[in-house]
PDB file of N, CA and C in Angstrom:
ATOM      1  N   MET A   1       7.882 -19.168  11.984  1.00  0.00           N
ATOM      2  CA  MET A   1       9.029 -18.307  12.076  1.00  0.00           C
ATOM      3  C   MET A   1       8.741 -17.150  13.039  1.00  0.00           C
ATOM      4  N   GLU A   2       7.535 -16.596  12.974  1.00  0.00           N
ATOM      5  CA  GLU A   2       7.183 -15.513  13.890  1.00  0.00           C
ATOM      6  C   GLU A   2       7.091 -16.004  15.325  1.00  0.00           C
ATOM      7  N   GLU A   3       6.657 -17.241  15.513  1.00  0.00           N
ATOM      8  CA  GLU A   3       6.540 -17.780  16.861  1.00  0.00           C
ATOM      9  C   GLU A   3       7.902 -17.843  17.541  1.00  0.00           C
ATOM     10  N   GLN A   4       8.941 -18.201  16.788  1.00  0.00           N
ATOM     11  CA  GLN A   4      10.281 -18.260  17.353  1.00  0.00           C
ATOM     12  C   GLN A   4      10.747 -16.858  17.747  1.00  0.00           C
ATOM     13  N   TRP A   5      10.446 -15.850  16.903  1.00  0.00           N
ATOM     14  CA  TRP A   5      10.829 -14.480  17.207  1.00  0.00           C
ATOM     15  C   TRP A   5      10.094 -13.988  18.454  1.00  0.00           C
ATOM     16  N   ASP A   6       8.802 -14.311  18.577  1.00  0.00           N
ATOM     17  CA  ASP A   6       8.030 -13.926  19.760  1.00  0.00           C
ATOM     18  C   ASP A   6       8.591 -14.577  21.013  1.00  0.00           C
ATOM     19  N   PHE A   7       8.969 -15.845  20.900  1.00  0.00           N
ATOM     20  CA  PHE A   7       9.532 -16.544  22.054  1.00  0.00           C
ATOM     21  C   PHE A   7      10.863 -15.934  22.469  1.00  0.00           C
ATOM     22  N   GLN A   8      11.690 -15.558  21.491  1.00  0.00           N
ATOM     23  CA  GLN A   8      12.977 -14.931  21.806  1.00  0.00           C
ATOM     24  C   GLN A   8      12.769 -13.580  22.467  1.00  0.00           C
ATOM     25  N   LEU A   9      11.805 -12.822  21.988  1.00  0.00           N
ATOM     26  CA  LEU A   9      11.518 -11.520  22.584  1.00  0.00           C
ATOM     27  C   LEU A   9      11.046 -11.682  24.029  1.00  0.00           C
ATOM     28  N   LEU A  10      10.118 -12.590  24.256  1.00  0.00           N
ATOM     29  CA  LEU A  10       9.631 -12.820  25.623  1.00  0.00           C
ATOM     30  C   LEU A  10      10.738 -13.349  26.518  1.00  0.00           C
ATOM     31  N   SER A  11      11.595 -14.189  25.970  1.00  0.00           N
ATOM     32  CA  SER A  11      12.709 -14.738  26.740  1.00  0.00           C
ATOM     33  C   SER A  11      13.677 -13.626  27.140  1.00  0.00           C
ATOM     34  N   ARG A  12      13.976 -12.718  26.228  1.00  0.00           N
ATOM     35  CA  ARG A  12      14.881 -11.598  26.547  1.00  0.00           C
ATOM     36  C   ARG A  12      14.261 -10.671  27.591  1.00  0.00           C
ATOM     37  N   ILE A  13      12.983 -10.410  27.458  1.00  0.00           N
ATOM     38  CA  ILE A  13      12.298  -9.553  28.440  1.00  0.00           C
ATOM     39  C   ILE A  13      12.322 -10.205  29.815  1.00  0.00           C
ATOM     40  N   ALA A  14      12.037 -11.488  29.877  1.00  0.00           N
ATOM     41  CA  ALA A  14      12.041 -12.190  31.157  1.00  0.00           C
ATOM     42  C   ALA A  14      13.436 -12.224  31.754  1.00  0.00           C
ATOM     43  N   ASP A  15      14.472 -12.465  30.941  1.00  0.00           N
ATOM     44  CA  ASP A  15      15.847 -12.470  31.443  1.00  0.00           C
ATOM     45  C   ASP A  15      16.258 -11.103  31.966  1.00  0.00           C
ATOM     46  N   SER A  16      15.874 -10.056  31.253  1.00  0.00           N
ATOM     47  CA  SER A  16      16.200  -8.698  31.701  1.00  0.00           C
ATOM     48  C   SER A  16      15.504  -8.382  33.018  1.00  0.00           C
ATOM     49  N   LEU A  17      14.263  -8.788  33.145  1.00  0.00           N
ATOM     50  CA  LEU A  17      13.515  -8.546  34.380  1.00  0.00           C
ATOM     51  C   LEU A  17      14.126  -9.301  35.558  1.00  0.00           C
ATOM     52  N   VAL A  18      14.507 -10.542  35.336  1.00  0.00           N
ATOM     53  CA  VAL A  18      15.129 -11.330  36.404  1.00  0.00           C
ATOM     54  C   VAL A  18      16.466 -10.733  36.800  1.00  0.00           C
ATOM     55  N   ALA A  19      17.258 -10.288  35.822  1.00  0.00           N
ATOM     56  CA  ALA A  19      18.544  -9.668  36.121  1.00  0.00           C
ATOM     57  C   ALA A  19      18.358  -8.376  36.915  1.00  0.00           C
ATOM     58  N   PHE A  20      17.379  -7.565  36.515  1.00  0.00           N
ATOM     59  CA  PHE A  20      17.116  -6.321  37.233  1.00  0.00           C
ATOM     60  C   PHE A  20      16.669  -6.598  38.667  1.00  0.00           C
ATOM     61  N   LEU A  21      15.767  -7.555  38.832  1.00  0.00           N
ATOM     62  CA  LEU A  21      15.277  -7.868  40.178  1.00  0.00           C
ATOM     63  C   LEU A  21      16.371  -8.447  41.062  1.00  0.00           C
ATOM     64  N   SER A  22      17.233  -9.275  40.507  1.00  0.00           N
ATOM     65  CA  SER A  22      18.315  -9.833  41.332  1.00  0.00           C
ATOM     66  C   SER A  22      19.294  -8.737  41.740  1.00  0.00           C
ATOM     67  N   GLU A  23      19.589  -7.800  40.831  1.00  0.00           N
ATOM     68  CA  GLU A  23      20.462  -6.673  41.189  1.00  0.00           C
ATOM     69  C   GLU A  23      19.786  -5.773  42.221  1.00  0.00           C
ATOM     70  N   PHE A  24      18.500  -5.582  42.065  1.00  0.00           N
ATOM     71  CA  PHE A  24      17.756  -4.762  43.030  1.00  0.00           C
ATOM     72  C   PHE A  24      17.768  -5.398  44.413  1.00  0.00           C
ATOM     73  N   VAL A  25      17.568  -6.700  44.480  1.00  0.00           N
ATOM     74  CA  VAL A  25      17.595  -7.395  45.773  1.00  0.00           C
ATOM     75  C   VAL A  25      18.981  -7.321  46.388  1.00  0.00           C
ATOM     76  N   ASP A  26      20.033  -7.475  45.571  1.00  0.00           N
ATOM     77  CA  ASP A  26      21.398  -7.366  46.099  1.00  0.00           C
ATOM     78  C   ASP A  26      21.658  -5.982  46.673  1.00  0.00           C
ATOM     79  N   ASP A  27      21.223  -4.937  45.960  1.00  0.00           N
ATOM     80  CA  ASP A  27      21.381  -3.573  46.468  1.00  0.00           C
ATOM     81  C   ASP A  27      20.548  -3.345  47.721  1.00  0.00           C
ATOM     82  N   TRP A  28      19.354  -3.931  47.753  1.00  0.00           N
ATOM     83  CA  TRP A  28      18.473  -3.771  48.908  1.00  0.00           C
ATOM     84  C   TRP A  28      19.103  -4.390  50.154  1.00  0.00           C
ATOM     85  N   LEU A  29      19.701  -5.545  49.982  1.00  0.00           N
ATOM     86  CA  LEU A  29      20.325  -6.214  51.121  1.00  0.00           C
ATOM     87  C   LEU A  29      21.644  -5.564  51.513  1.00  0.00           C
ATOM     88  N   ALA A  30      22.304  -4.854  50.596  1.00  0.00           N
ATOM     89  CA  ALA A  30      23.562  -4.184  50.917  1.00  0.00           C
ATOM     90  C   ALA A  30      23.326  -3.009  51.858  1.00  0.00           C
ATOM     91  N   ASN A  31      22.137  -2.411  51.779  1.00  0.00           N
ATOM     92  CA  ASN A  31      21.729  -1.335  52.680  1.00  0.00           C
ATOM     93  C   ASN A  31      22.657  -0.132  52.596  1.00  0.00           C
ATOM     94  N   ASP A  32      23.018   0.274  51.397  1.00  0.00           N
ATOM     95  CA  ASP A  32      23.868   1.447  51.227  1.00  0.00           C
ATOM     96  C   ASP A  32      23.014   2.718  51.171  1.00  0.00           C
ATOM     97  N   MET A  33      23.645   3.844  50.870  1.00  0.00           N
ATOM     98  CA  MET A  33      22.958   5.138  50.920  1.00  0.00           C
ATOM     99  C   MET A  33      21.858   5.244  49.860  1.00  0.00           C
ATOM    100  N   ARG A  34      22.076   4.703  48.667  1.00  0.00           N
ATOM    101  CA  ARG A  34      21.049   4.757  47.629  1.00  0.00           C
ATOM    102  C   ARG A  34      19.785   4.041  48.069  1.00  0.00           C
ATOM    103  N   VAL A  35      19.968   2.901  48.721  1.00  0.00           N
ATOM    104  CA  VAL A  35      18.817   2.140  49.184  1.00  0.00           C
ATOM    105  C   VAL A  35      18.090   2.894  50.286  1.00  0.00           C
ATOM    106  N   ALA A  36      18.835   3.540  51.172  1.00  0.00           N
ATOM    107  CA  ALA A  36      18.207   4.309  52.248  1.00  0.00           C
ATOM    108  C   ALA A  36      17.377   5.459  51.677  1.00  0.00           C
ATOM    109  N   VAL A  37      17.926   6.163  50.680  1.00  0.00           N
ATOM    110  CA  VAL A  37      17.186   7.256  50.053  1.00  0.00           C
ATOM    111  C   VAL A  37      15.964   6.709  49.325  1.00  0.00           C
ATOM    112  N   PHE A  38      16.120   5.585  48.642  1.00  0.00           N
ATOM    113  CA  PHE A  38      14.996   4.975  47.943  1.00  0.00           C
ATOM    114  C   PHE A  38      13.900   4.576  48.917  1.00  0.00           C
ATOM    115  N   LYS A  39      14.274   3.990  50.047  1.00  0.00           N
ATOM    116  CA  LYS A  39      13.277   3.597  51.043  1.00  0.00           C
ATOM    117  C   LYS A  39      12.532   4.808  51.587  1.00  0.00           C
ATOM    118  N   ILE A  40      13.251   5.887  51.829  1.00  0.00           N
ATOM    119  CA  ILE A  40      12.605   7.103  52.339  1.00  0.00           C
ATOM    120  C   ILE A  40      11.630   7.666  51.312  1.00  0.00           C
ATOM    121  N   LEU A  41      12.069   7.752  50.058  1.00  0.00           N
ATOM    122  CA  LEU A  41      11.196   8.300  49.019  1.00  0.00           C
ATOM    123  C   LEU A  41      10.003   7.391  48.739  1.00  0.00           C
ATOM    124  N   LEU A  42      10.220   6.095  48.762  1.00  0.00           N
ATOM    125  CA  LEU A  42       9.123   5.163  48.548  1.00  0.00           C
ATOM    126  C   LEU A  42       8.101   5.244  49.679  1.00  0.00           C
ATOM    127  N   SER A  43       8.586   5.318  50.903  1.00  0.00           N
ATOM    128  CA  SER A  43       7.654   5.425  52.035  1.00  0.00           C
ATOM    129  C   SER A  43       6.897   6.750  51.988  1.00  0.00           C
ATOM    130  N   TRP A  44       7.563   7.846  51.572  1.00  0.00           N
ATOM    131  CA  TRP A  44       6.890   9.139  51.435  1.00  0.00           C
ATOM    132  C   TRP A  44       5.808   9.071  50.364  1.00  0.00           C
ATOM    133  N   LEU A  45       6.099   8.417  49.246  1.00  0.00           N
ATOM    134  CA  LEU A  45       5.111   8.275  48.178  1.00  0.00           C
ATOM    135  C   LEU A  45       3.910   7.461  48.636  1.00  0.00           C
ATOM    136  N   VAL A  46       4.158   6.349  49.293  1.00  0.00           N
ATOM    137  CA  VAL A  46       3.059   5.496  49.762  1.00  0.00           C
ATOM    138  C   VAL A  46       2.221   6.231  50.803  1.00  0.00           C
ATOM    139  N   LEU A  47       2.876   6.917  51.730  1.00  0.00           N
ATOM    140  CA  LEU A  47       2.164   7.673  52.760  1.00  0.00           C
ATOM    141  C   LEU A  47       1.320   8.783  52.134  1.00  0.00           C
ATOM    142  N   SER A  48       1.855   9.470  51.140  1.00  0.00           N
ATOM    143  CA  SER A  48       1.104  10.540  50.474  1.00  0.00           C
ATOM    144  C   SER A  48      -0.111   9.986  49.733  1.00  0.00           C
ATOM    145  N   LEU A  49       0.062   8.862  49.053  1.00  0.00           N
ATOM    146  CA  LEU A  49      -1.073   8.274  48.342  1.00  0.00           C
ATOM    147  C   LEU A  49      -2.162   7.808  49.304  1.00  0.00           C
ATOM    148  N   ILE A  50      -1.773   7.268  50.435  1.00  0.00           N
ATOM    149  CA  ILE A  50      -2.764   6.855  51.440  1.00  0.00           C
ATOM    150  C   ILE A  50      -3.493   8.071  52.002  1.00  0.00           C
ATOM    151  N   ALA A  51      -2.745   9.151  52.262  1.00  0.00           N
ATOM    152  CA  ALA A  51      -3.376  10.373  52.780  1.00  0.00           C
ATOM    153  C   ALA A  51      -4.336  10.974  51.760  1.00  0.00           C
ATOM    154  N   ILE A  52      -3.961  10.974  50.487  1.00  0.00           N
ATOM    155  CA  ILE A  52      -4.841  11.488  49.446  1.00  0.00           C
ATOM    156  C   ILE A  52      -6.097  10.633  49.347  1.00  0.00           C
ATOM    157  N   HIS A  53      -5.938   9.326  49.456  1.00  0.00           N
ATOM    158  CA  HIS A  53      -7.085   8.424  49.391  1.00  0.00           C
ATOM    159  C   HIS A  53      -8.077   8.708  50.513  1.00  0.00           C
ATOM    160  N   PHE A  54      -7.580   8.827  51.741  1.00  0.00           N
ATOM    161  CA  PHE A  54      -8.493   9.079  52.866  1.00  0.00           C
ATOM    162  C   PHE A  54      -9.086  10.484  52.807  1.00  0.00           C
ATOM    163  N   ALA A  55      -8.304  11.465  52.354  1.00  0.00           N
ATOM    164  CA  ALA A  55      -8.845  12.822  52.224  1.00  0.00           C
ATOM    165  C   ALA A  55      -9.940  12.866  51.174  1.00  0.00           C
ATOM    166  N   TRP A  56      -9.770  12.117  50.094  1.00  0.00           N
ATOM    167  CA  TRP A  56     -10.807  12.099  49.064  1.00  0.00           C
ATOM    168  C   TRP A  56     -12.057  11.405  49.568  1.00  0.00           C
ATOM    169  N   LYS A  57     -11.882  10.359  50.395  1.00  0.00           N
ATOM    170  CA  LYS A  57     -13.061   9.694  50.965  1.00  0.00           C
ATOM    171  C   LYS A  57     -13.838  10.650  51.860  1.00  0.00           C
ATOM    172  N   VAL A  58     -13.125  11.491  52.606  1.00  0.00           N
ATOM    173  CA  VAL A  58     -13.792  12.395  53.540  1.00  0.00           C
ATOM    174  C   VAL A  58     -14.353  13.618  52.823  1.00  0.00           C
ATOM    175  N   TYR A  59     -13.547  14.266  51.977  1.00  0.00           N
ATOM    176  CA  TYR A  59     -13.924  15.542  51.369  1.00  0.00           C
ATOM    177  C   TYR A  59     -14.284  15.454  49.888  1.00  0.00           C
ATOM    178  N   GLY A  60     -14.294  14.265  49.311  1.00  0.00           N
ATOM    179  CA  GLY A  60     -14.528  14.130  47.875  1.00  0.00           C
ATOM    180  C   GLY A  60     -15.868  14.646  47.417  1.00  0.00           C
ATOM    181  N   ASN A  61     -16.916  14.343  48.156  1.00  0.00           N
ATOM    182  CA  ASN A  61     -18.253  14.806  47.764  1.00  0.00           C
ATOM    183  C   ASN A  61     -18.355  16.320  47.840  1.00  0.00           C
ATOM    184  N   THR A  62     -17.727  16.916  48.844  1.00  0.00           N
ATOM    185  CA  THR A  62     -17.754  18.374  48.990  1.00  0.00           C
ATOM    186  C   THR A  62     -17.048  19.033  47.816  1.00  0.00           C
ATOM    187  N   VAL A  63     -15.887  18.522  47.456  1.00  0.00           N
ATOM    188  CA  VAL A  63     -15.142  19.085  46.331  1.00  0.00           C
ATOM    189  C   VAL A  63     -15.913  18.887  45.039  1.00  0.00           C
ATOM    190  N   ASN A  64     -16.499  17.737  44.861  1.00  0.00           N
ATOM    191  CA  ASN A  64     -17.266  17.465  43.650  1.00  0.00           C
ATOM    192  C   ASN A  64     -18.465  18.401  43.552  1.00  0.00           C
ATOM    193  N   ASP A  65     -19.146  18.643  44.651  1.00  0.00           N
ATOM    194  CA  ASP A  65     -20.305  19.531  44.632  1.00  0.00           C
ATOM    195  C   ASP A  65     -19.909  20.980  44.352  1.00  0.00           C
ATOM    196  N   MET A  66     -18.687  21.358  44.718  1.00  0.00           N
ATOM    197  CA  MET A  66     -18.237  22.721  44.453  1.00  0.00           C
ATOM    198  C   MET A  66     -18.069  22.975  42.963  1.00  0.00           C
ATOM    199  N   TYR A  67     -17.696  21.959  42.212  1.00  0.00           N
ATOM    200  CA  TYR A  67     -17.394  22.154  40.805  1.00  0.00           C
ATOM    201  C   TYR A  67     -18.432  21.580  39.864  1.00  0.00           C
ATOM    202  N   TYR A  68     -19.411  20.880  40.360  1.00  0.00           N
ATOM    203  CA  TYR A  68     -20.459  20.327  39.510  1.00  0.00           C
ATOM    204  C   TYR A  68     -21.794  20.707  40.100  1.00  0.00           C
ATOM    205  N   ARG A  69     -22.480  21.591  39.414  1.00  0.00           N
ATOM    206  CA  ARG A  69     -23.785  22.034  39.889  1.00  0.00           C
ATOM    207  C   ARG A  69     -24.833  21.530  38.924  1.00  0.00           C
ATOM    208  N   GLN A  70     -25.867  20.947  39.461  1.00  0.00           N
ATOM    209  CA  GLN A  70     -26.934  20.436  38.618  1.00  0.00           C
ATOM    210  C   GLN A  70     -27.984  21.509  38.419  1.00  0.00           C
ATOM    211  N   GLY A  71     -28.727  21.400  37.351  1.00  0.00           N
ATOM    212  CA  GLY A  71     -29.807  22.340  37.121  1.00  0.00           C
ATOM    213  C   GLY A  71     -29.683  22.986  35.760  1.00  0.00           C
ATOM    214  N   THR A  72     -30.513  24.025  35.547  1.00  0.00           N
ATOM    215  CA  THR A  72     -30.561  24.672  34.239  1.00  0.00           C
ATOM    216  C   THR A  72     -29.390  25.603  34.015  1.00  0.00           C
ATOM    217  N   GLY A  73     -28.638  25.921  35.046  1.00  0.00           N
ATOM    218  CA  GLY A  73     -27.525  26.853  34.901  1.00  0.00           C
ATOM    219  C   GLY A  73     -26.328  26.262  34.199  1.00  0.00           C
ATOM    220  N   GLY A  74     -26.267  24.986  34.063  1.00  0.00           N
ATOM    221  CA  GLY A  74     -25.130  24.363  33.406  1.00  0.00           C
ATOM    222  C   GLY A  74     -24.145  23.832  34.424  1.00  0.00           C
ATOM    223  N   GLN A  75     -23.124  23.187  33.924  1.00  0.00           N
ATOM    224  CA  GLN A  75     -22.160  22.551  34.817  1.00  0.00           C
ATOM    225  C   GLN A  75     -21.341  23.566  35.585  1.00  0.00           C
ATOM    226  N   ASN A  76     -21.040  24.712  35.000  1.00  0.00           N
ATOM    227  CA  ASN A  76     -20.191  25.689  35.671  1.00  0.00           C
ATOM    228  C   ASN A  76     -20.969  26.616  36.585  1.00  0.00           C
ATOM    229  N   GLY A  77     -22.263  26.430  36.721  1.00  0.00           N
ATOM    230  CA  GLY A  77     -23.031  27.208  37.674  1.00  0.00           C
ATOM    231  C   GLY A  77     -23.517  28.540  37.144  1.00  0.00           C
ATOM    232  N   GLY A  78     -23.455  28.775  35.850  1.00  0.00           N
ATOM    233  CA  GLY A  78     -23.933  30.037  35.291  1.00  0.00           C
ATOM    234  C   GLY A  78     -25.449  30.123  35.349  1.00  0.00           C
ATOM    235  N   THR A  79     -25.955  31.324  35.194  1.00  0.00           N
ATOM    236  CA  THR A  79     -27.407  31.503  35.211  1.00  0.00           C
ATOM    237  C   THR A  79     -27.931  31.407  33.784  1.00  0.00           C
ATOM    238  N   PRO A  80     -29.122  30.879  33.598  1.00  0.00           N
ATOM    239  CA  PRO A  80     -29.673  30.782  32.243  1.00  0.00           C
ATOM    240  C   PRO A  80     -30.034  32.159  31.707  1.00  0.00           C
ATOM    241  N   ASP A  81     -30.004  32.299  30.363  1.00  0.00           N
ATOM    242  CA  ASP A  81     -30.322  33.587  29.737  1.00  0.00           C
ATOM    243  C   ASP A  81     -31.816  33.864  29.722  1.00  0.00           C
ATOM    244  N   THR A  82     -32.632  32.828  29.752  1.00  0.00           N
ATOM    245  CA  THR A  82     -34.085  33.011  29.676  1.00  0.00           C
ATOM    246  C   THR A  82     -34.724  32.474  30.944  1.00  0.00           C
ATOM    247  N   ALA A  83     -35.961  32.772  31.092  1.00  0.00           N
ATOM    248  CA  ALA A  83     -36.707  32.268  32.238  1.00  0.00           C
ATOM    249  C   ALA A  83     -36.849  30.754  32.100  1.00  0.00           C
ATOM    250  N   PRO A  84     -36.935  30.039  33.217  1.00  0.00           N
ATOM    251  CA  PRO A  84     -36.989  28.587  33.127  1.00  0.00           C
ATOM    252  C   PRO A  84     -38.246  28.047  32.443  1.00  0.00           C
ATOM    253  N   HIS A  85     -39.346  28.824  32.435  1.00  0.00           N
ATOM    254  CA  HIS A  85     -40.570  28.318  31.816  1.00  0.00           C
ATOM    255  C   HIS A  85     -40.594  28.556  30.304  1.00  0.00           C
ATOM    256  N   LEU A  86     -39.641  29.323  29.758  1.00  0.00           N
ATOM    257  CA  LEU A  86     -39.566  29.566  28.326  1.00  0.00           C
ATOM    258  C   LEU A  86     -38.475  28.689  27.721  1.00  0.00           C
ATOM    259  N   SER A  87     -38.647  28.381  26.449  1.00  0.00           N
ATOM    260  CA  SER A  87     -37.576  27.638  25.792  1.00  0.00           C
ATOM    261  C   SER A  87     -36.450  28.597  25.446  1.00  0.00           C
ATOM    262  N   GLY A  88     -35.342  28.083  25.006  1.00  0.00           N
ATOM    263  CA  GLY A  88     -34.184  28.917  24.710  1.00  0.00           C
ATOM    264  C   GLY A  88     -34.400  29.864  23.552  1.00  0.00           C
ATOM    265  N   TRP A  89     -35.367  29.566  22.641  1.00  0.00           N
ATOM    266  CA  TRP A  89     -35.565  30.399  21.470  1.00  0.00           C
ATOM    267  C   TRP A  89     -36.644  31.458  21.689  1.00  0.00           C
ATOM    268  N   GLU A  90     -37.456  31.288  22.704  1.00  0.00           N
ATOM    269  CA  GLU A  90     -38.521  32.249  22.969  1.00  0.00           C
ATOM    270  C   GLU A  90     -38.005  33.352  23.882  1.00  0.00           C
ATOM    271  N   SER A  91     -38.616  34.486  23.816  1.00  0.00           N
ATOM    272  CA  SER A  91     -38.286  35.558  24.737  1.00  0.00           C
ATOM    273  C   SER A  91     -39.590  36.173  25.232  1.00  0.00           C
ATOM    274  N   ALA A  92     -39.467  37.086  26.163  1.00  0.00           N
ATOM    275  CA  ALA A  92     -40.670  37.721  26.701  1.00  0.00           C
ATOM    276  C   ALA A  92     -41.334  38.560  25.609  1.00  0.00           C
ATOM    277  N   VAL A  93     -42.612  38.843  25.791  1.00  0.00           N
ATOM    278  CA  VAL A  93     -43.382  39.603  24.797  1.00  0.00           C
ATOM    279  C   VAL A  93     -42.810  41.003  24.692  1.00  0.00           C
ATOM    280  N   GLY A  94     -42.585  41.466  23.462  1.00  0.00           N
ATOM    281  CA  GLY A  94     -42.098  42.824  23.253  1.00  0.00           C
ATOM    282  C   GLY A  94     -40.597  42.927  23.213  1.00  0.00           C
ATOM    283  N   ASP A  95     -39.856  41.905  23.573  1.00  0.00           N
ATOM    284  CA  ASP A  95     -38.384  41.970  23.526  1.00  0.00           C
ATOM    285  C   ASP A  95     -37.918  41.696  22.107  1.00  0.00           C
ATOM    286  N   ALA A  96     -36.961  42.468  21.680  1.00  0.00           N
ATOM    287  CA  ALA A  96     -36.388  42.212  20.362  1.00  0.00           C
ATOM    288  C   ALA A  96     -35.420  41.009  20.474  1.00  0.00           C
ATOM    289  N   LEU A  97     -35.291  40.296  19.378  1.00  0.00           N
ATOM    290  CA  LEU A  97     -34.376  39.166  19.400  1.00  0.00           C
ATOM    291  C   LEU A  97     -32.942  39.673  19.510  1.00  0.00           C
ATOM    292  N   LYS A  98     -32.172  39.030  20.328  1.00  0.00           N
ATOM    293  CA  LYS A  98     -30.785  39.414  20.495  1.00  0.00           C
ATOM    294  C   LYS A  98     -29.960  38.774  19.388  1.00  0.00           C
ATOM    295  N   THR A  99     -29.044  39.533  18.830  1.00  0.00           N
ATOM    296  CA  THR A  99     -28.178  39.013  17.789  1.00  0.00           C
ATOM    297  C   THR A  99     -26.744  39.096  18.273  1.00  0.00           C
ATOM    298  N   HIS A 100     -25.906  38.299  17.636  1.00  0.00           N
ATOM    299  CA  HIS A 100     -24.495  38.279  18.004  1.00  0.00           C
ATOM    300  C   HIS A 100     -23.779  39.411  17.265  1.00  0.00           C
ATOM    301  N   ARG A 101     -23.043  40.214  18.021  1.00  0.00           N
ATOM    302  CA  ARG A 101     -22.291  41.314  17.423  1.00  0.00           C
ATOM    303  C   ARG A 101     -20.814  41.134  17.783  1.00  0.00           C
ATOM    304  N   GLU A 102     -19.967  41.385  16.805  1.00  0.00           N
ATOM    305  CA  GLU A 102     -18.531  41.277  17.063  1.00  0.00           C
ATOM    306  C   GLU A 102     -17.910  42.627  17.269  1.00  0.00           C
TER     307      GLU A 102
END
């Protein structure tokens, strides 16, 4: 019983898709103002995506390096609170432990 329902659903989806595509092709061949605007917007979208793709190929590593810094400073490029040879819990001799104050 479920198989018949699944087949009907797929059949309706396929019929709707075919109807939409046939109407789209008819409008495309009619070459009216809506189609002209659609062609312009579609070409602008494709051109923009191609430009973004090539710009990322050229400048992608530079942009990535600006926002991702490796090392002990962390991802955002901050400086560490302690010297690199000490662990995070140790401090220099004679320094009092820092506590969080609100």
